[in-house]
Amino acid sequence: MTAQRQRFEDQRWHFQHGPIDLIIAAEGDPAGVDAAHEAAWTCFESILQSLVDEWPLLRQGLDFDPSESRDPTRKNQLRGPVARRMWEACAAVASPEESGFITPMAAVAGAVAEELIQFYQRPGITRAWVNNGGDIALYLTPDTRVRIGLVSDLARAIQSSPGCDLVMDGELEVHHDMPVRGLATSGWRGRSHSLGIADSVTVLAKTAAQADAAATLIANAVNVDDSRIARQPANTLRDHSDLGARLVTVNVPTLAYGQVLLALQRGCLLARAFAERGLIHSALLACQGQFQQHYEATS
């Protein structure tokens, strides 16, 4: 298995290596853009192996004594830049009194995107983005912005608009002056497993890795007790899952309005705690057609 890349007609690039699947776009001076793409590709070719080399540590949970310091570099034993970024992002949100189990793998998609976006931060490039399955790292220069469409339930959106453009649940706009350079989405319908019932939780943060880690835990917190919710051990669905035998959500029936509202409120409590600590800028939570949003107190 080797890394592969393909250039689309609209000049975006597709980088793929095993489970890592990126769409990259950049605007600006053509020579500068091409040089950035080449530098990003050179880095990308070795990322997967660097993560495989540290796989045992990346699967370990981050369990802290509440009395200890929150310094995110305190016990980081990982070596590679992507792995260390994953650990630091997850260590920042790991807190027994606020959230549940987390391993560095919760931030892998955002951390990979963040590793590559640095190659586009050069003169001549006006804006760029690295999209790793919906977890996105951004580079914006003054007076630039990006718009990002939100779809909480992709299967429903496709069924409602066959052969047409997807019907969006909403749209986010991130501009240069905002303290946001990363966003990530988590939920039980996504490509990663979730302990909760959120269709999607989208988080905006200073970095893509931080957004990824926070979105994972907020989505886990969107939860409610109902015997009809189907859950299975994560390691029966995916070999060597970092979640081990923990029960992850595989199906959610139609729930009562009050149940959905309660689940979303639980997620919002955690989003508020993260925002108050400066870990996220904002979060949009979606579950069965209901939405809740939270913004940092200073915005």
C-alpha atoms as a PDB file:
ATOM      1  CA  MET A   1       0.000   0.000   0.000  1.00  0.00           C
ATOM      2  CA  THR A   2       1.552   3.251  -1.143  1.00  0.00           C
ATOM      3  CA  ALA A   3       0.416   6.853  -1.013  1.00  0.00           C
ATOM      4  CA  GLN A   4      -1.411   8.073  -4.117  1.00  0.00           C
ATOM      5  CA  ARG A   5      -2.418  11.476  -5.434  1.00  0.00           C
ATOM      6  CA  GLN A   6      -4.613  12.823  -8.200  1.00  0.00           C
ATOM      7  CA  ARG A   7      -5.170  16.337  -9.500  1.00  0.00           C
ATOM      8  CA  PHE A   8      -8.751  17.296 -10.304  1.00  0.00           C
ATOM      9  CA  GLU A   9      -9.781  19.544 -13.185  1.00  0.00           C
ATOM     10  CA  ASP A  10     -10.552  22.368 -10.754  1.00  0.00           C
ATOM     11  CA  GLN A  11      -6.917  22.183  -9.521  1.00  0.00           C
ATOM     12  CA  ARG A  12      -7.753  20.583  -6.187  1.00  0.00           C
ATOM     13  CA  TRP A  13      -5.625  17.632  -5.145  1.00  0.00           C
ATOM     14  CA  HIS A  14      -6.671  14.261  -3.729  1.00  0.00           C
ATOM     15  CA  PHE A  15      -4.085  12.625  -1.432  1.00  0.00           C
ATOM     16  CA  GLN A  16      -4.871   9.103  -0.240  1.00  0.00           C
ATOM     17  CA  HIS A  17      -2.933   6.563   1.804  1.00  0.00           C
ATOM     18  CA  GLY A  18      -4.802   3.755   3.563  1.00  0.00           C
ATOM     19  CA  PRO A  19      -7.466   5.342   5.791  1.00  0.00           C
ATOM     20  CA  ILE A  20      -6.164   8.893   5.210  1.00  0.00           C
ATOM     21  CA  ASP A  21      -8.163  10.597   2.461  1.00  0.00           C
ATOM     22  CA  LEU A  22      -7.605  14.300   1.804  1.00  0.00           C
ATOM     23  CA  ILE A  23      -8.957  16.946  -0.532  1.00  0.00           C
ATOM     24  CA  ILE A  24      -6.655  19.972  -0.727  1.00  0.00           C
ATOM     25  CA  ALA A  25      -7.222  23.350  -2.359  1.00  0.00           C
ATOM     26  CA  ALA A  26      -5.097  26.494  -2.495  1.00  0.00           C
ATOM     27  CA  GLU A  27      -5.371  29.846  -4.206  1.00  0.00           C
ATOM     28  CA  GLY A  28      -2.779  32.425  -5.148  1.00  0.00           C
ATOM     29  CA  ASP A  29       0.367  32.604  -7.225  1.00  0.00           C
ATOM     30  CA  PRO A  30       0.441  29.430  -9.389  1.00  0.00           C
ATOM     31  CA  ALA A  31       4.138  28.772  -8.801  1.00  0.00           C
ATOM     32  CA  GLY A  32       3.741  29.204  -5.067  1.00  0.00           C
ATOM     33  CA  VAL A  33       0.684  26.967  -5.004  1.00  0.00           C
ATOM     34  CA  ASP A  34       2.466  24.217  -6.953  1.00  0.00           C
ATOM     35  CA  ALA A  35       5.471  24.407  -4.635  1.00  0.00           C
ATOM     36  CA  ALA A  36       3.206  24.127  -1.599  1.00  0.00           C
ATOM     37  CA  HIS A  37       1.435  21.087  -3.047  1.00  0.00           C
ATOM     38  CA  GLU A  38       4.765  19.364  -3.665  1.00  0.00           C
ATOM     39  CA  ALA A  39       6.021  20.090  -0.152  1.00  0.00           C
ATOM     40  CA  ALA A  40       2.754  18.827   1.329  1.00  0.00           C
ATOM     41  CA  TRP A  41       2.948  15.656  -0.756  1.00  0.00           C
ATOM     42  CA  THR A  42       6.504  14.918   0.367  1.00  0.00           C
ATOM     43  CA  CYS A  43       5.388  15.185   3.983  1.00  0.00           C
ATOM     44  CA  PHE A  44       2.189  13.208   3.400  1.00  0.00           C
ATOM     45  CA  GLU A  45       3.986  10.145   2.042  1.00  0.00           C
ATOM     46  CA  SER A  46       5.478   9.332   5.457  1.00  0.00           C
ATOM     47  CA  ILE A  47       2.603  10.262   7.792  1.00  0.00           C
ATOM     48  CA  LEU A  48       0.764   6.938   7.873  1.00  0.00           C
ATOM     49  CA  GLN A  49       3.893   4.930   8.680  1.00  0.00           C
ATOM     50  CA  SER A  50       4.842   7.386  11.419  1.00  0.00           C
ATOM     51  CA  LEU A  51       1.449   6.801  13.051  1.00  0.00           C
ATOM     52  CA  VAL A  52       1.670   3.017  12.657  1.00  0.00           C
ATOM     53  CA  ASP A  53       5.061   3.097  14.378  1.00  0.00           C
ATOM     54  CA  GLU A  54       3.469   4.654  17.465  1.00  0.00           C
ATOM     55  CA  TRP A  55       0.151   2.799  17.320  1.00  0.00           C
ATOM     56  CA  PRO A  56       0.339   1.180  20.801  1.00  0.00           C
ATOM     57  CA  LEU A  57       0.686   4.555  22.546  1.00  0.00           C
ATOM     58  CA  LEU A  58      -1.889   6.223  20.302  1.00  0.00           C
ATOM     59  CA  ARG A  59      -4.506   3.685  21.493  1.00  0.00           C
ATOM     60  CA  GLN A  60      -3.961   4.383  25.193  1.00  0.00           C
ATOM     61  CA  GLY A  61      -6.542   6.396  27.077  1.00  0.00           C
ATOM     62  CA  LEU A  62      -5.656   9.762  28.565  1.00  0.00           C
ATOM     63  CA  ASP A  63      -6.635   9.392  32.213  1.00  0.00           C
ATOM     64  CA  PHE A  64      -5.719  12.278  34.478  1.00  0.00           C
ATOM     65  CA  ASP A  65      -5.863  12.815  38.204  1.00  0.00           C
ATOM     66  CA  PRO A  66      -8.127  15.900  38.597  1.00  0.00           C
ATOM     67  CA  SER A  67      -5.636  17.368  41.064  1.00  0.00           C
ATOM     68  CA  GLU A  68      -2.827  17.321  38.510  1.00  0.00           C
ATOM     69  CA  SER A  69      -1.833  20.105  36.122  1.00  0.00           C
ATOM     70  CA  ARG A  70      -3.614  20.373  32.771  1.00  0.00           C
ATOM     71  CA  ASP A  71      -0.322  21.090  31.003  1.00  0.00           C
ATOM     72  CA  PRO A  72      -0.944  19.342  27.629  1.00  0.00           C
ATOM     73  CA  THR A  73       2.757  18.495  27.161  1.00  0.00           C
ATOM     74  CA  ARG A  74       3.196  17.023  30.653  1.00  0.00           C
ATOM     75  CA  LYS A  75       3.251  13.326  29.756  1.00  0.00           C
ATOM     76  CA  ASN A  76       3.529  13.350  25.999  1.00  0.00           C
ATOM     77  CA  GLN A  77       5.749  10.376  25.195  1.00  0.00           C
ATOM     78  CA  LEU A  78       4.990  10.355  21.473  1.00  0.00           C
ATOM     79  CA  ARG A  79       7.709  11.279  18.989  1.00  0.00           C
ATOM     80  CA  GLY A  80       6.257  12.203  15.600  1.00  0.00           C
ATOM     81  CA  PRO A  81       4.829  15.709  15.056  1.00  0.00           C
ATOM     82  CA  VAL A  82       1.375  14.439  14.065  1.00  0.00           C
ATOM     83  CA  ALA A  83       1.211  11.979  16.962  1.00  0.00           C
ATOM     84  CA  ARG A  84       2.352  14.622  19.451  1.00  0.00           C
ATOM     85  CA  ARG A  85      -0.260  17.067  18.116  1.00  0.00           C
ATOM     86  CA  MET A  86      -2.956  14.402  18.552  1.00  0.00           C
ATOM     87  CA  TRP A  87      -1.922  13.811  22.169  1.00  0.00           C
ATOM     88  CA  GLU A  88      -1.796  17.506  23.037  1.00  0.00           C
ATOM     89  CA  ALA A  89      -5.240  18.217  21.560  1.00  0.00           C
ATOM     90  CA  CYS A  90      -6.824  15.322  23.428  1.00  0.00           C
ATOM     91  CA  ALA A  91      -4.977  16.049  26.671  1.00  0.00           C
ATOM     92  CA  ALA A  92      -6.418  19.562  26.630  1.00  0.00           C
ATOM     93  CA  VAL A  93     -10.014  18.258  26.672  1.00  0.00           C
ATOM     94  CA  ALA A  94      -9.461  15.170  28.838  1.00  0.00           C
ATOM     95  CA  SER A  95     -10.948  15.806  32.255  1.00  0.00           C
ATOM     96  CA  PRO A  96     -12.668  13.215  34.469  1.00  0.00           C
ATOM     97  CA  GLU A  97     -15.112  15.741  35.899  1.00  0.00           C
ATOM     98  CA  GLU A  98     -16.288  16.978  32.484  1.00  0.00           C
ATOM     99  CA  SER A  99     -15.948  14.269  29.863  1.00  0.00           C
ATOM    100  CA  GLY A 100     -15.277  10.625  29.242  1.00  0.00           C
ATOM    101  CA  PHE A 101     -12.685   8.287  27.811  1.00  0.00           C
ATOM    102  CA  ILE A 102     -10.472   9.608  25.031  1.00  0.00           C
ATOM    103  CA  THR A 103      -7.321   8.458  23.234  1.00  0.00           C
ATOM    104  CA  PRO A 104      -5.065  10.476  20.922  1.00  0.00           C
ATOM    105  CA  MET A 105      -6.832   8.798  17.976  1.00  0.00           C
ATOM    106  CA  ALA A 106      -9.784  11.118  18.600  1.00  0.00           C
ATOM    107  CA  ALA A 107      -7.771  13.909  16.948  1.00  0.00           C
ATOM    108  CA  VAL A 108      -6.048  11.986  14.154  1.00  0.00           C
ATOM    109  CA  ALA A 109      -7.975  13.447  11.202  1.00  0.00           C
ATOM    110  CA  GLY A 110      -7.649  17.023  12.375  1.00  0.00           C
ATOM    111  CA  ALA A 111      -3.987  16.583  13.292  1.00  0.00           C
ATOM    112  CA  VAL A 112      -3.096  15.240   9.840  1.00  0.00           C
ATOM    113  CA  ALA A 113      -4.906  18.135   8.148  1.00  0.00           C
ATOM    114  CA  GLU A 114      -3.119  20.567  10.457  1.00  0.00           C
ATOM    115  CA  GLU A 115       0.275  19.047   9.670  1.00  0.00           C
ATOM    116  CA  LEU A 116      -0.187  19.680   5.946  1.00  0.00           C
ATOM    117  CA  ILE A 117      -1.767  23.138   6.070  1.00  0.00           C
ATOM    118  CA  GLN A 118       1.559  24.564   7.298  1.00  0.00           C
ATOM    119  CA  PHE A 119       3.054  24.058   3.827  1.00  0.00           C
ATOM    120  CA  TYR A 120       0.556  26.538   2.394  1.00  0.00           C
ATOM    121  CA  GLN A 121       1.389  29.301   4.859  1.00  0.00           C
ATOM    122  CA  ARG A 122       3.783  31.051   2.509  1.00  0.00           C
ATOM    123  CA  PRO A 123       3.944  34.290   0.494  1.00  0.00           C
ATOM    124  CA  GLY A 124       1.860  34.250  -2.654  1.00  0.00           C
ATOM    125  CA  ILE A 125      -0.905  32.001  -1.290  1.00  0.00           C
ATOM    126  CA  THR A 126      -4.083  33.828  -0.301  1.00  0.00           C
ATOM    127  CA  ARG A 127      -6.038  30.954   1.226  1.00  0.00           C
ATOM    128  CA  ALA A 128      -5.940  27.174   1.436  1.00  0.00           C
ATOM    129  CA  TRP A 129      -7.704  24.302   3.111  1.00  0.00           C
ATOM    130  CA  VAL A 130      -6.992  20.639   3.798  1.00  0.00           C
ATOM    131  CA  ASN A 131     -10.139  18.548   4.188  1.00  0.00           C
ATOM    132  CA  ASN A 132      -9.620  15.176   5.868  1.00  0.00           C
ATOM    133  CA  GLY A 133     -13.045  13.551   5.658  1.00  0.00           C
ATOM    134  CA  GLY A 134     -14.798  16.666   6.934  1.00  0.00           C
ATOM    135  CA  ASP A 135     -12.159  17.676   9.471  1.00  0.00           C
ATOM    136  CA  ILE A 136     -10.616  20.777   7.953  1.00  0.00           C
ATOM    137  CA  ALA A 137      -7.515  22.904   8.531  1.00  0.00           C
ATOM    138  CA  LEU A 138      -7.602  26.437   7.114  1.00  0.00           C
ATOM    139  CA  TYR A 139      -5.122  29.072   6.004  1.00  0.00           C
ATOM    140  CA  LEU A 140      -6.569  32.545   5.498  1.00  0.00           C
ATOM    141  CA  THR A 141      -4.933  35.859   4.712  1.00  0.00           C
ATOM    142  CA  PRO A 142      -6.469  39.279   5.472  1.00  0.00           C
ATOM    143  CA  ASP A 143      -9.815  39.934   3.783  1.00  0.00           C
ATOM    144  CA  THR A 144     -10.333  36.271   2.866  1.00  0.00           C
ATOM    145  CA  ARG A 145     -12.974  33.860   4.107  1.00  0.00           C
ATOM    146  CA  VAL A 146     -14.406  30.408   3.423  1.00  0.00           C
ATOM    147  CA  ARG A 147     -17.938  29.068   3.418  1.00  0.00           C
ATOM    148  CA  ILE A 148     -18.592  25.535   4.590  1.00  0.00           C
ATOM    149  CA  GLY A 149     -21.851  23.672   4.103  1.00  0.00           C
ATOM    150  CA  LEU A 150     -23.282  21.558   6.926  1.00  0.00           C
ATOM    151  CA  VAL A 151     -25.093  18.256   6.424  1.00  0.00           C
ATOM    152  CA  SER A 152     -26.045  16.485   9.654  1.00  0.00           C
ATOM    153  CA  ASP A 153     -27.381  13.302   8.005  1.00  0.00           C
ATOM    154  CA  LEU A 154     -25.708  12.580   4.665  1.00  0.00           C
ATOM    155  CA  ALA A 155     -27.919   9.587   3.813  1.00  0.00           C
ATOM    156  CA  ARG A 156     -31.074  11.639   4.357  1.00  0.00           C
ATOM    157  CA  ALA A 157     -29.683  14.513   2.317  1.00  0.00           C
ATOM    158  CA  ILE A 158     -28.883  12.224  -0.616  1.00  0.00           C
ATOM    159  CA  GLN A 159     -32.339  10.620  -0.518  1.00  0.00           C
ATOM    160  CA  SER A 160     -34.040  14.005  -0.463  1.00  0.00           C
ATOM    161  CA  SER A 161     -32.113  15.336  -3.456  1.00  0.00           C
ATOM    162  CA  PRO A 162     -31.231  12.453  -5.811  1.00  0.00           C
ATOM    163  CA  GLY A 163     -29.155  13.615  -8.736  1.00  0.00           C
ATOM    164  CA  CYS A 164     -29.142  17.196  -7.450  1.00  0.00           C
ATOM    165  CA  ASP A 165     -27.029  19.316  -5.169  1.00  0.00           C
ATOM    166  CA  LEU A 166     -27.237  18.238  -1.545  1.00  0.00           C
ATOM    167  CA  VAL A 167     -29.726  20.035   0.654  1.00  0.00           C
ATOM    168  CA  MET A 168     -27.676  21.660   3.397  1.00  0.00           C
ATOM    169  CA  ASP A 169     -28.762  22.000   7.013  1.00  0.00           C
ATOM    170  CA  GLY A 170     -26.827  25.230   7.220  1.00  0.00           C
ATOM    171  CA  GLU A 171     -23.702  27.087   6.240  1.00  0.00           C
ATOM    172  CA  LEU A 172     -20.750  28.375   8.220  1.00  0.00           C
ATOM    173  CA  GLU A 173     -18.567  31.283   7.202  1.00  0.00           C
ATOM    174  CA  VAL A 174     -15.085  31.618   8.637  1.00  0.00           C
ATOM    175  CA  HIS A 175     -13.203  34.827   7.914  1.00  0.00           C
ATOM    176  CA  HIS A 176      -9.637  35.829   8.585  1.00  0.00           C
ATOM    177  CA  ASP A 177     -10.360  37.889  11.691  1.00  0.00           C
ATOM    178  CA  MET A 178     -12.012  35.005  13.529  1.00  0.00           C
ATOM    179  CA  PRO A 179      -9.862  32.927  15.933  1.00  0.00           C
ATOM    180  CA  VAL A 180     -10.700  29.822  13.911  1.00  0.00           C
ATOM    181  CA  ARG A 181      -8.367  27.823  11.706  1.00  0.00           C
ATOM    182  CA  GLY A 182      -9.888  24.396  12.124  1.00  0.00           C
ATOM    183  CA  LEU A 183     -13.233  22.657  12.263  1.00  0.00           C
ATOM    184  CA  ALA A 184     -14.305  19.080  12.746  1.00  0.00           C
ATOM    185  CA  THR A 185     -17.484  17.031  12.885  1.00  0.00           C
ATOM    186  CA  SER A 186     -18.303  13.941  14.930  1.00  0.00           C
ATOM    187  CA  GLY A 187     -21.424  11.843  15.478  1.00  0.00           C
ATOM    188  CA  TRP A 188     -22.750   8.313  15.382  1.00  0.00           C
ATOM    189  CA  ARG A 189     -23.476   8.527  11.643  1.00  0.00           C
ATOM    190  CA  GLY A 190     -19.904   9.468  10.769  1.00  0.00           C
ATOM    191  CA  ARG A 191     -16.939   7.382   9.734  1.00  0.00           C
ATOM    192  CA  SER A 192     -15.729   7.109  13.344  1.00  0.00           C
ATOM    193  CA  HIS A 193     -17.592   5.501  16.217  1.00  0.00           C
ATOM    194  CA  SER A 194     -19.424   7.568  18.814  1.00  0.00           C
ATOM    195  CA  LEU A 195     -20.731   6.794  22.279  1.00  0.00           C
ATOM    196  CA  GLY A 196     -23.593   9.271  21.851  1.00  0.00           C
ATOM    197  CA  ILE A 197     -26.606   9.770  19.607  1.00  0.00           C
ATOM    198  CA  ALA A 198     -25.799  13.065  17.873  1.00  0.00           C
ATOM    199  CA  ASP A 199     -26.264  12.984  14.122  1.00  0.00           C
ATOM    200  CA  SER A 200     -23.458  15.520  14.010  1.00  0.00           C
ATOM    201  CA  VAL A 201     -21.500  17.889  16.208  1.00  0.00           C
ATOM    202  CA  THR A 202     -19.469  20.485  14.330  1.00  0.00           C
ATOM    203  CA  VAL A 203     -16.844  22.399  16.285  1.00  0.00           C
ATOM    204  CA  LEU A 204     -14.836  25.468  15.284  1.00  0.00           C
ATOM    205  CA  ALA A 205     -11.535  26.007  17.093  1.00  0.00           C
ATOM    206  CA  LYS A 206      -8.103  27.554  16.751  1.00  0.00           C
ATOM    207  CA  THR A 207      -6.734  24.350  15.243  1.00  0.00           C
ATOM    208  CA  ALA A 208      -8.155  21.361  13.405  1.00  0.00           C
ATOM    209  CA  ALA A 209      -6.755  18.907  15.948  1.00  0.00           C
ATOM    210  CA  GLN A 210      -8.360  20.790  18.824  1.00  0.00           C
ATOM    211  CA  ALA A 211     -11.682  20.910  16.985  1.00  0.00           C
ATOM    212  CA  ASP A 212     -11.468  17.179  16.290  1.00  0.00           C
ATOM    213  CA  ALA A 213     -10.823  16.197  19.915  1.00  0.00           C
ATOM    214  CA  ALA A 214     -13.545  18.479  21.252  1.00  0.00           C
ATOM    215  CA  ALA A 215     -16.117  17.364  18.671  1.00  0.00           C
ATOM    216  CA  THR A 216     -15.532  13.739  19.663  1.00  0.00           C
ATOM    217  CA  LEU A 217     -16.263  14.326  23.341  1.00  0.00           C
ATOM    218  CA  ILE A 218     -19.189  16.685  22.765  1.00  0.00           C
ATOM    219  CA  ALA A 219     -20.782  14.140  20.419  1.00  0.00           C
ATOM    220  CA  ASN A 220     -20.287  11.453  23.081  1.00  0.00           C
ATOM    221  CA  ALA A 221     -22.046  13.694  25.603  1.00  0.00           C
ATOM    222  CA  VAL A 222     -25.145  14.065  23.392  1.00  0.00           C
ATOM    223  CA  ASN A 223     -26.824  11.052  24.909  1.00  0.00           C
ATOM    224  CA  VAL A 224     -29.936   9.764  26.647  1.00  0.00           C
ATOM    225  CA  ASP A 225     -31.030   6.478  28.201  1.00  0.00           C
ATOM    226  CA  ASP A 226     -33.380   4.491  25.966  1.00  0.00           C
ATOM    227  CA  SER A 227     -33.350   0.703  25.630  1.00  0.00           C
ATOM    228  CA  ARG A 228     -34.173   0.964  21.916  1.00  0.00           C
ATOM    229  CA  ILE A 229     -30.853   2.612  21.096  1.00  0.00           C
ATOM    230  CA  ALA A 230     -28.641  -0.120  19.613  1.00  0.00           C
ATOM    231  CA  ARG A 231     -25.035  -0.282  20.776  1.00  0.00           C
ATOM    232  CA  GLN A 232     -22.222  -2.759  20.158  1.00  0.00           C
ATOM    233  CA  PRO A 233     -18.671  -3.169  21.461  1.00  0.00           C
ATOM    234  CA  ALA A 234     -16.380  -1.107  19.256  1.00  0.00           C
ATOM    235  CA  ASN A 235     -13.897  -3.951  18.815  1.00  0.00           C
ATOM    236  CA  THR A 236     -16.593  -6.146  17.246  1.00  0.00           C
ATOM    237  CA  LEU A 237     -17.117  -3.558  14.528  1.00  0.00           C
ATOM    238  CA  ARG A 238     -13.508  -2.666  13.833  1.00  0.00           C
ATOM    239  CA  ASP A 239     -10.442  -4.723  14.697  1.00  0.00           C
ATOM    240  CA  HIS A 240      -8.022  -3.053  17.094  1.00  0.00           C
ATOM    241  CA  SER A 241     -10.384  -0.169  17.829  1.00  0.00           C
ATOM    242  CA  ASP A 242      -8.897   2.267  20.328  1.00  0.00           C
ATOM    243  CA  LEU A 243     -12.269   2.156  22.116  1.00  0.00           C
ATOM    244  CA  GLY A 244     -11.869  -1.531  22.932  1.00  0.00           C
ATOM    245  CA  ALA A 245     -15.074  -3.152  24.224  1.00  0.00           C
ATOM    246  CA  ARG A 246     -16.800   0.171  24.966  1.00  0.00           C
ATOM    247  CA  LEU A 247     -20.325   0.284  23.575  1.00  0.00           C
ATOM    248  CA  VAL A 248     -20.728   2.525  20.543  1.00  0.00           C
ATOM    249  CA  THR A 249     -23.954   3.594  18.889  1.00  0.00           C
ATOM    250  CA  VAL A 250     -25.015   1.717  15.762  1.00  0.00           C
ATOM    251  CA  ASN A 251     -28.681   2.703  15.456  1.00  0.00           C
ATOM    252  CA  VAL A 252     -30.964   5.312  16.983  1.00  0.00           C
ATOM    253  CA  PRO A 253     -34.761   5.037  16.639  1.00  0.00           C
ATOM    254  CA  THR A 254     -37.016   8.042  16.413  1.00  0.00           C
ATOM    255  CA  LEU A 255     -36.997   9.549  19.894  1.00  0.00           C
ATOM    256  CA  ALA A 256     -39.444  11.817  21.666  1.00  0.00           C
ATOM    257  CA  TYR A 257     -38.847  15.549  21.336  1.00  0.00           C
ATOM    258  CA  GLY A 258     -37.993  15.847  25.027  1.00  0.00           C
ATOM    259  CA  GLN A 259     -35.427  13.043  24.844  1.00  0.00           C
ATOM    260  CA  VAL A 260     -33.628  14.673  21.930  1.00  0.00           C
ATOM    261  CA  LEU A 261     -33.707  18.054  23.644  1.00  0.00           C
ATOM    262  CA  LEU A 262     -32.220  16.563  26.831  1.00  0.00           C
ATOM    263  CA  ALA A 263     -29.448  14.846  24.884  1.00  0.00           C
ATOM    264  CA  LEU A 264     -28.561  18.060  23.067  1.00  0.00           C
ATOM    265  CA  GLN A 265     -28.552  20.035  26.299  1.00  0.00           C
ATOM    266  CA  ARG A 266     -26.057  17.579  27.784  1.00  0.00           C
ATOM    267  CA  GLY A 267     -23.780  18.135  24.806  1.00  0.00           C
ATOM    268  CA  CYS A 268     -24.161  21.898  25.107  1.00  0.00           C
ATOM    269  CA  LEU A 269     -23.053  21.784  28.742  1.00  0.00           C
ATOM    270  CA  LEU A 270     -19.754  20.268  27.682  1.00  0.00           C
ATOM    271  CA  ALA A 271     -19.419  22.655  24.729  1.00  0.00           C
ATOM    272  CA  ARG A 272     -19.911  25.558  27.136  1.00  0.00           C
ATOM    273  CA  ALA A 273     -17.221  24.192  29.464  1.00  0.00           C
ATOM    274  CA  PHE A 274     -14.763  23.890  26.577  1.00  0.00           C
ATOM    275  CA  ALA A 275     -15.586  27.403  25.339  1.00  0.00           C
ATOM    276  CA  GLU A 276     -15.088  28.884  28.811  1.00  0.00           C
ATOM    277  CA  ARG A 277     -11.621  27.334  28.886  1.00  0.00           C
ATOM    278  CA  GLY A 278     -10.829  28.772  25.445  1.00  0.00           C
ATOM    279  CA  LEU A 279     -10.615  25.354  23.801  1.00  0.00           C
ATOM    280  CA  ILE A 280     -13.289  25.967  21.163  1.00  0.00           C
ATOM    281  CA  HIS A 281     -14.846  28.954  19.448  1.00  0.00           C
ATOM    282  CA  SER A 282     -18.288  27.524  18.758  1.00  0.00           C
ATOM    283  CA  ALA A 283     -20.241  24.308  18.296  1.00  0.00           C
ATOM    284  CA  LEU A 284     -23.355  23.286  16.378  1.00  0.00           C
ATOM    285  CA  LEU A 285     -25.111  20.145  17.605  1.00  0.00           C
ATOM    286  CA  ALA A 286     -27.707  18.262  15.549  1.00  0.00           C
ATOM    287  CA  CYS A 287     -29.942  15.326  16.444  1.00  0.00           C
ATOM    288  CA  GLN A 288     -33.098  14.177  14.664  1.00  0.00           C
ATOM    289  CA  GLY A 289     -33.930  17.560  13.188  1.00  0.00           C
ATOM    290  CA  GLN A 290     -33.222  19.548  16.360  1.00  0.00           C
ATOM    291  CA  PHE A 291     -30.263  21.886  16.620  1.00  0.00           C
ATOM    292  CA  GLN A 292     -28.405  23.575  19.455  1.00  0.00           C
ATOM    293  CA  GLN A 293     -25.471  25.939  19.159  1.00  0.00           C
ATOM    294  CA  HIS A 294     -22.979  27.424  21.554  1.00  0.00           C
ATOM    295  CA  TYR A 295     -20.486  30.253  21.083  1.00  0.00           C
ATOM    296  CA  GLU A 296     -17.609  31.251  23.303  1.00  0.00           C
ATOM    297  CA  ALA A 297     -18.594  33.820  25.895  1.00  0.00           C
ATOM    298  CA  THR A 298     -16.404  36.548  24.385  1.00  0.00           C
ATOM    299  CA  SER A 299     -17.779  36.304  20.846  1.00  0.00           C
END
